[in-house]
Amino acid sequence: KMLKTQSGLEVLVDLPKTTSLMDGDALETNDGLRIGICAAP
């Protein structure tokens, strides 16, 4: 899925399998960025 971060950065999520992300996890990009996952109200 394509996601847009709070700062406006677009990130393509391409995980090997469907994954359940938890509040506090992060997605790590190919260039070393870590995008924190926040649970929305």
Full PDB file with SEQRES, HELIX, SHEET, SSBOND, CRYST1, ORIGX, SCALE, CONECT and MASTER records, all heavy atoms in Angstrom:
SEQRES   1 A   41  LYS MET LEU LYS THR GLN SER GLY LEU GLU VAL LEU VAL          
SEQRES   2 A   41  ASP LEU PRO LYS THR THR SER LEU MET ASP GLY ASP ALA          
SEQRES   3 A   41  LEU GLU THR ASN ASP GLY LEU ARG ILE GLY ILE CYS ALA          
SEQRES   4 A   41  ALA PRO                                                      
SHEET    1 AA1 2 MET A   2  LYS A   4  0                                        
SHEET    2 AA1 2 GLU A  10  LEU A  12 -1                                        
SHEET    1 AA2 2 ALA A  26  GLU A  28  0                                        
SHEET    2 AA2 2 ARG A  34  GLY A  36 -1                                        
CRYST1    1.000    1.000    1.000  90.00  90.00  90.00 P 1           1          
ORIGX1      1.000000  0.000000  0.000000        0.00000                         
ORIGX2      0.000000  1.000000  0.000000        0.00000                         
ORIGX3      0.000000  0.000000  1.000000        0.00000                         
SCALE1      1.000000  0.000000  0.000000        0.00000                         
SCALE2      0.000000  1.000000  0.000000        0.00000                         
SCALE3      0.000000  0.000000  1.000000        0.00000                         
ATOM      1  N   LYS A   1       0.842  -1.196   0.000  1.00  0.00           N  
ATOM      2  CA  LYS A   1       0.000   0.000   0.000  1.00  0.00           C  
ATOM      3  C   LYS A   1       0.877   1.245   0.000  1.00  0.00           C  
ATOM      4  O   LYS A   1       1.956   1.245   0.570  1.00  0.00           O  
ATOM      5  CB  LYS A   1      -0.890  -0.006   1.247  1.00  0.00           C  
ATOM      6  CG  LYS A   1      -1.897   1.101   1.299  1.00  0.00           C  
ATOM      7  CD  LYS A   1      -2.802   0.921   2.493  1.00  0.00           C  
ATOM      8  CE  LYS A   1      -3.888   1.957   2.451  1.00  0.00           C  
ATOM      9  NZ  LYS A   1      -4.884   1.736   3.494  1.00  0.00           N  
ATOM     10  N   MET A   2       0.392   2.305  -0.612  1.00  0.00           N  
ATOM     11  CA  MET A   2       1.060   3.598  -0.561  1.00  0.00           C  
ATOM     12  C   MET A   2       0.518   4.356   0.653  1.00  0.00           C  
ATOM     13  O   MET A   2      -0.690   4.464   0.823  1.00  0.00           O  
ATOM     14  CB  MET A   2       0.790   4.397  -1.842  1.00  0.00           C  
ATOM     15  CG  MET A   2       1.562   5.688  -1.925  1.00  0.00           C  
ATOM     16  SD  MET A   2       3.339   5.463  -2.152  1.00  0.00           S  
ATOM     17  CE  MET A   2       3.388   4.947  -3.850  1.00  0.00           C  
ATOM     18  N   LEU A   3       1.425   4.851   1.491  1.00  0.00           N  
ATOM     19  CA  LEU A   3       1.037   5.617   2.673  1.00  0.00           C  
ATOM     20  C   LEU A   3       1.644   7.009   2.601  1.00  0.00           C  
ATOM     21  O   LEU A   3       2.707   7.191   2.014  1.00  0.00           O  
ATOM     22  CB  LEU A   3       1.527   4.930   3.952  1.00  0.00           C  
ATOM     23  CG  LEU A   3       0.988   3.546   4.265  1.00  0.00           C  
ATOM     24  CD1 LEU A   3       1.652   2.992   5.526  1.00  0.00           C  
ATOM     25  CD2 LEU A   3      -0.513   3.573   4.423  1.00  0.00           C  
ATOM     26  N   LYS A   4       0.976   7.965   3.221  1.00  0.00           N  
ATOM     27  CA  LYS A   4       1.512   9.316   3.336  1.00  0.00           C  
ATOM     28  C   LYS A   4       1.731   9.593   4.821  1.00  0.00           C  
ATOM     29  O   LYS A   4       0.820   9.461   5.628  1.00  0.00           O  
ATOM     30  CB  LYS A   4       0.560  10.344   2.740  1.00  0.00           C  
ATOM     31  CG  LYS A   4       1.170  11.738   2.676  1.00  0.00           C  
ATOM     32  CD  LYS A   4       0.255  12.710   1.981  1.00  0.00           C  
ATOM     33  CE  LYS A   4       0.714  12.822   0.560  1.00  0.00           C  
ATOM     34  NZ  LYS A   4       0.096  13.942  -0.152  1.00  0.00           N  
ATOM     35  N   THR A   5       2.955   9.973   5.180  1.00  0.00           N  
ATOM     36  CA  THR A   5       3.308  10.210   6.578  1.00  0.00           C  
ATOM     37  C   THR A   5       2.798  11.570   7.039  1.00  0.00           C  
ATOM     38  O   THR A   5       2.331  12.377   6.245  1.00  0.00           O  
ATOM     39  CB  THR A   5       4.836  10.158   6.772  1.00  0.00           C  
ATOM     40  OG1 THR A   5       5.412  11.283   6.115  1.00  0.00           O  
ATOM     41  CG2 THR A   5       5.425   8.851   6.255  1.00  0.00           C  
ATOM     42  N   GLN A   6       2.938  11.830   8.332  1.00  0.00           N  
ATOM     43  CA  GLN A   6       2.502  13.106   8.898  1.00  0.00           C  
ATOM     44  C   GLN A   6       3.238  14.288   8.278  1.00  0.00           C  
ATOM     45  O   GLN A   6       2.684  15.367   8.155  1.00  0.00           O  
ATOM     46  CB  GLN A   6       2.672  13.100  10.414  1.00  0.00           C  
ATOM     47  CG  GLN A   6       1.669  12.199  11.092  1.00  0.00           C  
ATOM     48  CD  GLN A   6       1.850  12.122  12.596  1.00  0.00           C  
ATOM     49  OE1 GLN A   6       2.815  12.621  13.166  1.00  0.00           O  
ATOM     50  NE2 GLN A   6       0.916  11.446  13.248  1.00  0.00           N  
ATOM     51  N   SER A   7       4.487  14.074   7.843  1.00  0.00           N  
ATOM     52  CA  SER A   7       5.244  15.166   7.227  1.00  0.00           C  
ATOM     53  C   SER A   7       4.955  15.294   5.732  1.00  0.00           C  
ATOM     54  O   SER A   7       5.499  16.174   5.072  1.00  0.00           O  
ATOM     55  CB  SER A   7       6.748  14.968   7.452  1.00  0.00           C  
ATOM     56  OG  SER A   7       7.218  13.891   6.658  1.00  0.00           O  
ATOM     57  N   GLY A   8       4.122  14.391   5.177  1.00  0.00           N  
ATOM     58  CA  GLY A   8       3.779  14.445   3.761  1.00  0.00           C  
ATOM     59  C   GLY A   8       4.592  13.534   2.865  1.00  0.00           C  
ATOM     60  O   GLY A   8       4.388  13.500   1.652  1.00  0.00           O  
ATOM     61  N   LEU A   9       5.524  12.768   3.433  1.00  0.00           N  
ATOM     62  CA  LEU A   9       6.348  11.848   2.652  1.00  0.00           C  
ATOM     63  C   LEU A   9       5.508  10.658   2.199  1.00  0.00           C  
ATOM     64  O   LEU A   9       4.775  10.061   3.000  1.00  0.00           O  
ATOM     65  CB  LEU A   9       7.520  11.343   3.509  1.00  0.00           C  
ATOM     66  CG  LEU A   9       8.442  10.307   2.881  1.00  0.00           C  
ATOM     67  CD1 LEU A   9       9.248  10.932   1.739  1.00  0.00           C  
ATOM     68  CD2 LEU A   9       9.375   9.727   3.934  1.00  0.00           C  
ATOM     69  N   GLU A  10       5.596  10.307   0.927  1.00  0.00           N  
ATOM     70  CA  GLU A  10       4.935   9.098   0.432  1.00  0.00           C  
ATOM     71  C   GLU A  10       5.891   7.928   0.560  1.00  0.00           C  
ATOM     72  O   GLU A  10       7.068   8.023   0.206  1.00  0.00           O  
ATOM     73  CB  GLU A  10       4.501   9.276  -1.018  1.00  0.00           C  
ATOM     74  CG  GLU A  10       3.333  10.217  -1.160  1.00  0.00           C  
ATOM     75  CD  GLU A  10       2.753  10.215  -2.566  1.00  0.00           C  
ATOM     76  OE1 GLU A  10       3.521  10.012  -3.537  1.00  0.00           O  
ATOM     77  OE2 GLU A  10       1.546  10.425  -2.682  1.00  0.00           O  
ATOM     78  N   VAL A  11       5.358   6.807   1.087  1.00  0.00           N  
ATOM     79  CA  VAL A  11       6.146   5.597   1.300  1.00  0.00           C  
ATOM     80  C   VAL A  11       5.352   4.430   0.733  1.00  0.00           C  
ATOM     81  O   VAL A  11       4.167   4.274   1.034  1.00  0.00           O  
ATOM     82  CB  VAL A  11       6.415   5.360   2.803  1.00  0.00           C  
ATOM     83  CG1 VAL A  11       7.145   4.049   3.036  1.00  0.00           C  
ATOM     84  CG2 VAL A  11       7.194   6.515   3.397  1.00  0.00           C  
ATOM     85  N   LEU A  12       6.009   3.616  -0.072  1.00  0.00           N  
ATOM     86  CA  LEU A  12       5.392   2.401  -0.574  1.00  0.00           C  
ATOM     87  C   LEU A  12       5.685   1.273   0.411  1.00  0.00           C  
ATOM     88  O   LEU A  12       6.843   0.967   0.677  1.00  0.00           O  
ATOM     89  CB  LEU A  12       5.929   2.022  -1.954  1.00  0.00           C  
ATOM     90  CG  LEU A  12       5.454   0.665  -2.490  1.00  0.00           C  
ATOM     91  CD1 LEU A  12       3.941   0.667  -2.696  1.00  0.00           C  
ATOM     92  CD2 LEU A  12       6.186   0.312  -3.768  1.00  0.00           C  
ATOM     93  N   VAL A  13       4.634   0.681   0.967  1.00  0.00           N  
ATOM     94  CA  VAL A  13       4.788  -0.489   1.826  1.00  0.00           C  
ATOM     95  C   VAL A  13       4.702  -1.704   0.920  1.00  0.00           C  
ATOM     96  O   VAL A  13       3.742  -1.859   0.166  1.00  0.00           O  
ATOM     97  CB  VAL A  13       3.691  -0.534   2.906  1.00  0.00           C  
ATOM     98  CG1 VAL A  13       3.835  -1.788   3.765  1.00  0.00           C  
ATOM     99  CG2 VAL A  13       3.733   0.719   3.761  1.00  0.00           C  
ATOM    100  N   ASP A  14       5.717  -2.549   0.971  1.00  0.00           N  
ATOM    101  CA  ASP A  14       5.764  -3.760   0.160  1.00  0.00           C  
ATOM    102  C   ASP A  14       6.345  -4.881   1.017  1.00  0.00           C  
ATOM    103  O   ASP A  14       7.497  -5.260   0.885  1.00  0.00           O  
ATOM    104  CB  ASP A  14       6.603  -3.531  -1.098  1.00  0.00           C  
ATOM    105  CG  ASP A  14       6.517  -4.687  -2.074  1.00  0.00           C  
ATOM    106  OD1 ASP A  14       5.613  -5.536  -1.936  1.00  0.00           O  
ATOM    107  OD2 ASP A  14       7.374  -4.752  -2.977  1.00  0.00           O  
ATOM    108  N   LEU A  15       5.493  -5.395   1.929  1.00  0.00           N  
ATOM    109  CA  LEU A  15       5.924  -6.429   2.867  1.00  0.00           C  
ATOM    110  C   LEU A  15       5.831  -7.806   2.223  1.00  0.00           C  
ATOM    111  O   LEU A  15       5.017  -8.017   1.321  1.00  0.00           O  
ATOM    112  CB  LEU A  15       5.060  -6.374   4.132  1.00  0.00           C  
ATOM    113  CG  LEU A  15       5.098  -5.041   4.893  1.00  0.00           C  
ATOM    114  CD1 LEU A  15       4.077  -5.035   6.017  1.00  0.00           C  
ATOM    115  CD2 LEU A  15       6.498  -4.773   5.429  1.00  0.00           C  
ATOM    116  N   PRO A  16       6.636  -8.762   2.677  1.00  0.00           N  
ATOM    117  CA  PRO A  16       6.618 -10.104   2.086  1.00  0.00           C  
ATOM    118  C   PRO A  16       5.284 -10.834   2.278  1.00  0.00           C  
ATOM    119  O   PRO A  16       4.928 -11.687   1.485  1.00  0.00           O  
ATOM    120  CB  PRO A  16       7.736 -10.851   2.803  1.00  0.00           C  
ATOM    121  CG  PRO A  16       8.385  -9.892   3.719  1.00  0.00           C  
ATOM    122  CD  PRO A  16       7.659  -8.596   3.679  1.00  0.00           C  
ATOM    123  N   LYS A  17       4.551 -10.492   3.364  1.00  0.00           N  
ATOM    124  CA  LYS A  17       3.248 -11.105   3.604  1.00  0.00           C  
ATOM    125  C   LYS A  17       2.354 -10.095   4.315  1.00  0.00           C  
ATOM    126  O   LYS A  17       2.839  -9.128   4.903  1.00  0.00           O  
ATOM    127  CB  LYS A  17       3.382 -12.381   4.436  1.00  0.00           C  
ATOM    128  CG  LYS A  17       3.937 -12.160   5.824  1.00  0.00           C  
ATOM    129  CD  LYS A  17       4.081 -13.463   6.572  1.00  0.00           C  
ATOM    130  CE  LYS A  17       4.609 -13.167   7.981  1.00  0.00           C  
ATOM    131  NZ  LYS A  17       4.693 -14.361   8.780  1.00  0.00           N  
ATOM    132  N   THR A  18       1.066 -10.333   4.279  1.00  0.00           N  
ATOM    133  CA  THR A  18       0.128  -9.454   4.963  1.00  0.00           C  
ATOM    134  C   THR A  18       0.448  -9.480   6.450  1.00  0.00           C  
ATOM    135  O   THR A  18       0.622 -10.539   7.046  1.00  0.00           O  
ATOM    136  CB  THR A  18      -1.318  -9.902   4.703  1.00  0.00           C  
ATOM    137  OG1 THR A  18      -1.533  -9.922   3.289  1.00  0.00           O  
ATOM    138  CG2 THR A  18      -2.307  -8.955   5.345  1.00  0.00           C  
ATOM    139  N   THR A  19       0.536  -8.288   7.043  1.00  0.00           N  
ATOM    140  CA  THR A  19       1.028  -8.138   8.406  1.00  0.00           C  
ATOM    141  C   THR A  19       0.101  -7.238   9.199  1.00  0.00           C  
ATOM    142  O   THR A  19      -0.433  -6.256   8.687  1.00  0.00           O  
ATOM    143  CB  THR A  19       2.445  -7.523   8.379  1.00  0.00           C  
ATOM    144  OG1 THR A  19       3.289  -8.372   7.589  1.00  0.00           O  
ATOM    145  CG2 THR A  19       3.034  -7.378   9.763  1.00  0.00           C  
ATOM    146  N   SER A  20      -0.075  -7.569  10.465  1.00  0.00           N  
ATOM    147  CA  SER A  20      -0.845  -6.745  11.389  1.00  0.00           C  
ATOM    148  C   SER A  20       0.128  -5.840  12.130  1.00  0.00           C  
ATOM    149  O   SER A  20       0.948  -6.317  12.919  1.00  0.00           O  
ATOM    150  CB  SER A  20      -1.599  -7.640  12.366  1.00  0.00           C  
ATOM    151  OG  SER A  20      -2.350  -6.858  13.251  1.00  0.00           O  
ATOM    152  N   LEU A  21       0.060  -4.550  11.868  1.00  0.00           N  
ATOM    153  CA  LEU A  21       0.947  -3.588  12.519  1.00  0.00           C  
ATOM    154  C   LEU A  21       0.324  -3.118  13.821  1.00  0.00           C  
ATOM    155  O   LEU A  21      -0.871  -2.857  13.892  1.00  0.00           O  
ATOM    156  CB  LEU A  21       1.183  -2.396  11.597  1.00  0.00           C  
ATOM    157  CG  LEU A  21       1.802  -2.720  10.239  1.00  0.00           C  
ATOM    158  CD1 LEU A  21       1.817  -1.473   9.353  1.00  0.00           C  
ATOM    159  CD2 LEU A  21       3.195  -3.286  10.406  1.00  0.00           C  
ATOM    160  N   MET A  22       1.140  -3.003  14.845  1.00  0.00           N  
ATOM    161  CA  MET A  22       0.683  -2.558  16.153  1.00  0.00           C  
ATOM    162  C   MET A  22       1.126  -1.117  16.396  1.00  0.00           C  
ATOM    163  O   MET A  22       2.139  -0.671  15.849  1.00  0.00           O  
ATOM    164  CB  MET A  22       1.275  -3.451  17.248  1.00  0.00           C  
ATOM    165  CG  MET A  22       0.891  -4.919  17.128  1.00  0.00           C  
ATOM    166  SD  MET A  22      -0.874  -5.210  17.302  1.00  0.00           S  
ATOM    167  CE  MET A  22      -1.093  -4.752  19.011  1.00  0.00           C  
ATOM    168  N   ASP A  23       0.372  -0.422  17.221  1.00  0.00           N  
ATOM    169  CA  ASP A  23       0.760   0.908  17.660  1.00  0.00           C  
ATOM    170  C   ASP A  23       2.155   0.814  18.267  1.00  0.00           C  
ATOM    171  O   ASP A  23       2.400  -0.034  19.130  1.00  0.00           O  
ATOM    172  CB  ASP A  23      -0.252   1.410  18.692  1.00  0.00           C  
ATOM    173  CG  ASP A  23       0.002   2.837  19.118  1.00  0.00           C  
ATOM    174  OD1 ASP A  23      -0.188   3.741  18.294  1.00  0.00           O  
ATOM    175  OD2 ASP A  23       0.393   3.040  20.290  1.00  0.00           O  
ATOM    176  N   GLY A  24       3.094   1.615  17.788  1.00  0.00           N  
ATOM    177  CA  GLY A  24       4.467   1.581  18.296  1.00  0.00           C  
ATOM    178  C   GLY A  24       5.440   0.833  17.404  1.00  0.00           C  
ATOM    179  O   GLY A  24       6.650   0.954  17.567  1.00  0.00           O  
ATOM    180  N   ASP A  25       4.923   0.041  16.465  1.00  0.00           N  
ATOM    181  CA  ASP A  25       5.801  -0.594  15.479  1.00  0.00           C  
ATOM    182  C   ASP A  25       6.299   0.464  14.509  1.00  0.00           C  
ATOM    183  O   ASP A  25       5.836   1.604  14.518  1.00  0.00           O  
ATOM    184  CB  ASP A  25       5.045  -1.664  14.680  1.00  0.00           C  
ATOM    185  CG  ASP A  25       4.726  -2.918  15.479  1.00  0.00           C  
ATOM    186  OD1 ASP A  25       5.264  -3.082  16.594  1.00  0.00           O  
ATOM    187  OD2 ASP A  25       3.924  -3.730  14.976  1.00  0.00           O  
ATOM    188  N   ALA A  26       7.235   0.090  13.654  1.00  0.00           N  
ATOM    189  CA  ALA A  26       7.704   0.998  12.607  1.00  0.00           C  
ATOM    190  C   ALA A  26       7.918   0.216  11.324  1.00  0.00           C  
ATOM    191  O   ALA A  26       8.211  -0.980  11.346  1.00  0.00           O  
ATOM    192  CB  ALA A  26       9.005   1.691  13.015  1.00  0.00           C  
ATOM    193  N   LEU A  27       7.770   0.915  10.231  1.00  0.00           N  
ATOM    194  CA  LEU A  27       8.135   0.388   8.915  1.00  0.00           C  
ATOM    195  C   LEU A  27       9.511   0.938   8.598  1.00  0.00           C  
ATOM    196  O   LEU A  27       9.745   2.143   8.728  1.00  0.00           O  
ATOM    197  CB  LEU A  27       7.125   0.846   7.863  1.00  0.00           C  
ATOM    198  CG  LEU A  27       5.705   0.334   8.049  1.00  0.00           C  
ATOM    199  CD1 LEU A  27       4.728   1.121   7.189  1.00  0.00           C  
ATOM    200  CD2 LEU A  27       5.650  -1.148   7.715  1.00  0.00           C  
ATOM    201  N   GLU A  28      10.435   0.066   8.216  1.00  0.00           N  
ATOM    202  CA  GLU A  28      11.786   0.506   7.871  1.00  0.00           C  
ATOM    203  C   GLU A  28      11.922   0.497   6.358  1.00  0.00           C  
ATOM    204  O   GLU A  28      11.650  -0.509   5.706  1.00  0.00           O  
ATOM    205  CB  GLU A  28      12.821  -0.397   8.515  1.00  0.00           C  
ATOM    206  CG  GLU A  28      14.240   0.151   8.374  1.00  0.00           C  
ATOM    207  CD  GLU A  28      15.215  -0.613   9.235  1.00  0.00           C  
ATOM    208  OE1 GLU A  28      15.316  -0.292  10.435  1.00  0.00           O  
ATOM    209  OE2 GLU A  28      15.849  -1.533   8.700  1.00  0.00           O  
ATOM    210  N   THR A  29      12.365   1.624   5.807  1.00  0.00           N  
ATOM    211  CA  THR A  29      12.483   1.755   4.353  1.00  0.00           C  
ATOM    212  C   THR A  29      13.857   1.297   3.871  1.00  0.00           C  
ATOM    213  O   THR A  29      14.792   1.136   4.661  1.00  0.00           O  
ATOM    214  CB  THR A  29      12.253   3.207   3.903  1.00  0.00           C  
ATOM    215  OG1 THR A  29      13.321   4.019   4.407  1.00  0.00           O  
ATOM    216  CG2 THR A  29      10.915   3.739   4.381  1.00  0.00           C  
ATOM    217  N   ASN A  30      13.962   1.129   2.565  1.00  0.00           N  
ATOM    218  CA  ASN A  30      15.214   0.695   1.944  1.00  0.00           C  
ATOM    219  C   ASN A  30      16.352   1.688   2.163  1.00  0.00           C  
ATOM    220  O   ASN A  30      17.516   1.322   2.073  1.00  0.00           O  
ATOM    221  CB  ASN A  30      15.009   0.421   0.451  1.00  0.00           C  
ATOM    222  CG  ASN A  30      14.349   1.581  -0.266  1.00  0.00           C  
ATOM    223  OD1 ASN A  30      13.831   2.523   0.343  1.00  0.00           O  
ATOM    224  ND2 ASN A  30      14.351   1.519  -1.582  1.00  0.00           N  
ATOM    225  N   ASP A  31      16.027   2.945   2.473  1.00  0.00           N  
ATOM    226  CA  ASP A  31      17.087   3.925   2.729  1.00  0.00           C  
ATOM    227  C   ASP A  31      17.261   4.224   4.224  1.00  0.00           C  
ATOM    228  O   ASP A  31      17.885   5.219   4.598  1.00  0.00           O  
ATOM    229  CB  ASP A  31      16.862   5.198   1.921  1.00  0.00           C  
ATOM    230  CG  ASP A  31      15.510   5.835   2.159  1.00  0.00           C  
ATOM    231  OD1 ASP A  31      14.700   5.268   2.928  1.00  0.00           O  
ATOM    232  OD2 ASP A  31      15.242   6.894   1.563  1.00  0.00           O  
ATOM    233  N   GLY A  32      16.695   3.346   5.096  1.00  0.00           N  
ATOM    234  CA  GLY A  32      16.960   3.450   6.527  1.00  0.00           C  
ATOM    235  C   GLY A  32      16.007   4.305   7.331  1.00  0.00           C  
ATOM    236  O   GLY A  32      16.184   4.442   8.548  1.00  0.00           O  
ATOM    237  N   LEU A  33      14.993   4.893   6.708  1.00  0.00           N  
ATOM    238  CA  LEU A  33      14.012   5.660   7.471  1.00  0.00           C  
ATOM    239  C   LEU A  33      13.141   4.707   8.276  1.00  0.00           C  
ATOM    240  O   LEU A  33      12.844   3.597   7.831  1.00  0.00           O  
ATOM    241  CB  LEU A  33      13.118   6.476   6.537  1.00  0.00           C  
ATOM    242  CG  LEU A  33      13.775   7.542   5.677  1.00  0.00           C  
ATOM    243  CD1 LEU A  33      12.738   8.148   4.732  1.00  0.00           C  
ATOM    244  CD2 LEU A  33      14.396   8.616   6.549  1.00  0.00           C  
ATOM    245  N   ARG A  34      12.729   5.159   9.452  1.00  0.00           N  
ATOM    246  CA  ARG A  34      11.770   4.389  10.253  1.00  0.00           C  
ATOM    247  C   ARG A  34      10.509   5.225  10.418  1.00  0.00           C  
ATOM    248  O   ARG A  34      10.555   6.308  10.999  1.00  0.00           O  
ATOM    249  CB  ARG A  34      12.348   4.035  11.612  1.00  0.00           C  
ATOM    250  CG  ARG A  34      13.328   2.893  11.534  1.00  0.00           C  
ATOM    251  CD  ARG A  34      13.603   2.325  12.893  1.00  0.00           C  
ATOM    252  NE  ARG A  34      14.471   1.161  12.777  1.00  0.00           N  
ATOM    253  CZ  ARG A  34      14.946   0.510  13.800  1.00  0.00           C  
ATOM    254  NH1 ARG A  34      14.640   0.890  15.029  1.00  0.00           N  
ATOM    255  NH2 ARG A  34      15.719  -0.536  13.614  1.00  0.00           N  
ATOM    256  N   ILE A  35       9.414   4.668   9.918  1.00  0.00           N  
ATOM    257  CA  ILE A  35       8.122   5.348   9.967  1.00  0.00           C  
ATOM    258  C   ILE A  35       7.306   4.700  11.080  1.00  0.00           C  
ATOM    259  O   ILE A  35       6.890   3.545  10.967  1.00  0.00           O  
ATOM    260  CB  ILE A  35       7.373   5.233   8.614  1.00  0.00           C  
ATOM    261  CG1 ILE A  35       8.276   5.616   7.433  1.00  0.00           C  
ATOM    262  CG2 ILE A  35       6.079   6.024   8.667  1.00  0.00           C  
ATOM    263  CD1 ILE A  35       8.827   7.014   7.476  1.00  0.00           C  
ATOM    264  N   GLY A  36       7.082   5.447  12.167  1.00  0.00           N  
ATOM    265  CA  GLY A  36       6.352   4.921  13.318  1.00  0.00           C  
ATOM    266  C   GLY A  36       4.870   4.767  13.020  1.00  0.00           C  
ATOM    267  O   GLY A  36       4.268   5.593  12.335  1.00  0.00           O  
ATOM    268  N   ILE A  37       4.277   3.712  13.552  1.00  0.00           N  
ATOM    269  CA  ILE A  37       2.859   3.429  13.382  1.00  0.00           C  
ATOM    270  C   ILE A  37       2.112   3.921  14.619  1.00  0.00           C  
ATOM    271  O   ILE A  37       2.453   3.552  15.746  1.00  0.00           O  
ATOM    272  CB  ILE A  37       2.607   1.914  13.203  1.00  0.00           C  
ATOM    273  CG1 ILE A  37       3.417   1.366  12.026  1.00  0.00           C  
ATOM    274  CG2 ILE A  37       1.114   1.621  13.071  1.00  0.00           C  
ATOM    275  CD1 ILE A  37       3.077   1.971  10.685  1.00  0.00           C  
ATOM    276  N   CYS A  38       1.097   4.753  14.388  1.00  0.00           N  
ATOM    277  CA  CYS A  38       0.242   5.252  15.463  1.00  0.00           C  
ATOM    278  C   CYS A  38      -1.179   4.767  15.226  1.00  0.00           C  
ATOM    279  O   CYS A  38      -1.686   4.866  14.106  1.00  0.00           O  
ATOM    280  CB  CYS A  38       0.243   6.780  15.499  1.00  0.00           C  
ATOM    281  SG  CYS A  38       1.855   7.512  15.785  1.00  0.00           S  
ATOM    282  N   ALA A  39      -1.818   4.253  16.273  1.00  0.00           N  
ATOM    283  CA  ALA A  39      -3.210   3.818  16.166  1.00  0.00           C  
ATOM    284  C   ALA A  39      -4.115   5.042  16.151  1.00  0.00           C  
ATOM    285  O   ALA A  39      -4.049   5.888  17.040  1.00  0.00           O  
ATOM    286  CB  ALA A  39      -3.563   2.905  17.328  1.00  0.00           C  
ATOM    287  N   ALA A  40      -4.960   5.143  15.137  1.00  0.00           N  
ATOM    288  CA  ALA A  40      -5.874   6.280  14.989  1.00  0.00           C  
ATOM    289  C   ALA A  40      -7.099   6.098  15.881  1.00  0.00           C  
ATOM    290  O   ALA A  40      -7.581   4.975  16.055  1.00  0.00           O  
ATOM    291  CB  ALA A  40      -6.316   6.402  13.536  1.00  0.00           C  
ATOM    292  N   PRO A  41      -7.623   7.192  16.418  1.00  0.00           N  
ATOM    293  CA  PRO A  41      -8.902   7.096  17.120  1.00  0.00           C  
ATOM    294  C   PRO A  41      -9.984   6.648  16.134  1.00  0.00           C  
ATOM    295  O   PRO A  41      -9.990   7.070  14.975  1.00  0.00           O  
ATOM    296  CB  PRO A  41      -9.165   8.522  17.596  1.00  0.00           C  
ATOM    297  CG  PRO A  41      -7.827   9.189  17.577  1.00  0.00           C  
ATOM    298  CD  PRO A  41      -7.059   8.534  16.467  1.00  0.00           C  
TER     299      PRO A  41                                                      
MASTER        0    0    0    0    4    0    0    6  298    1    0    4          
END                                                                             
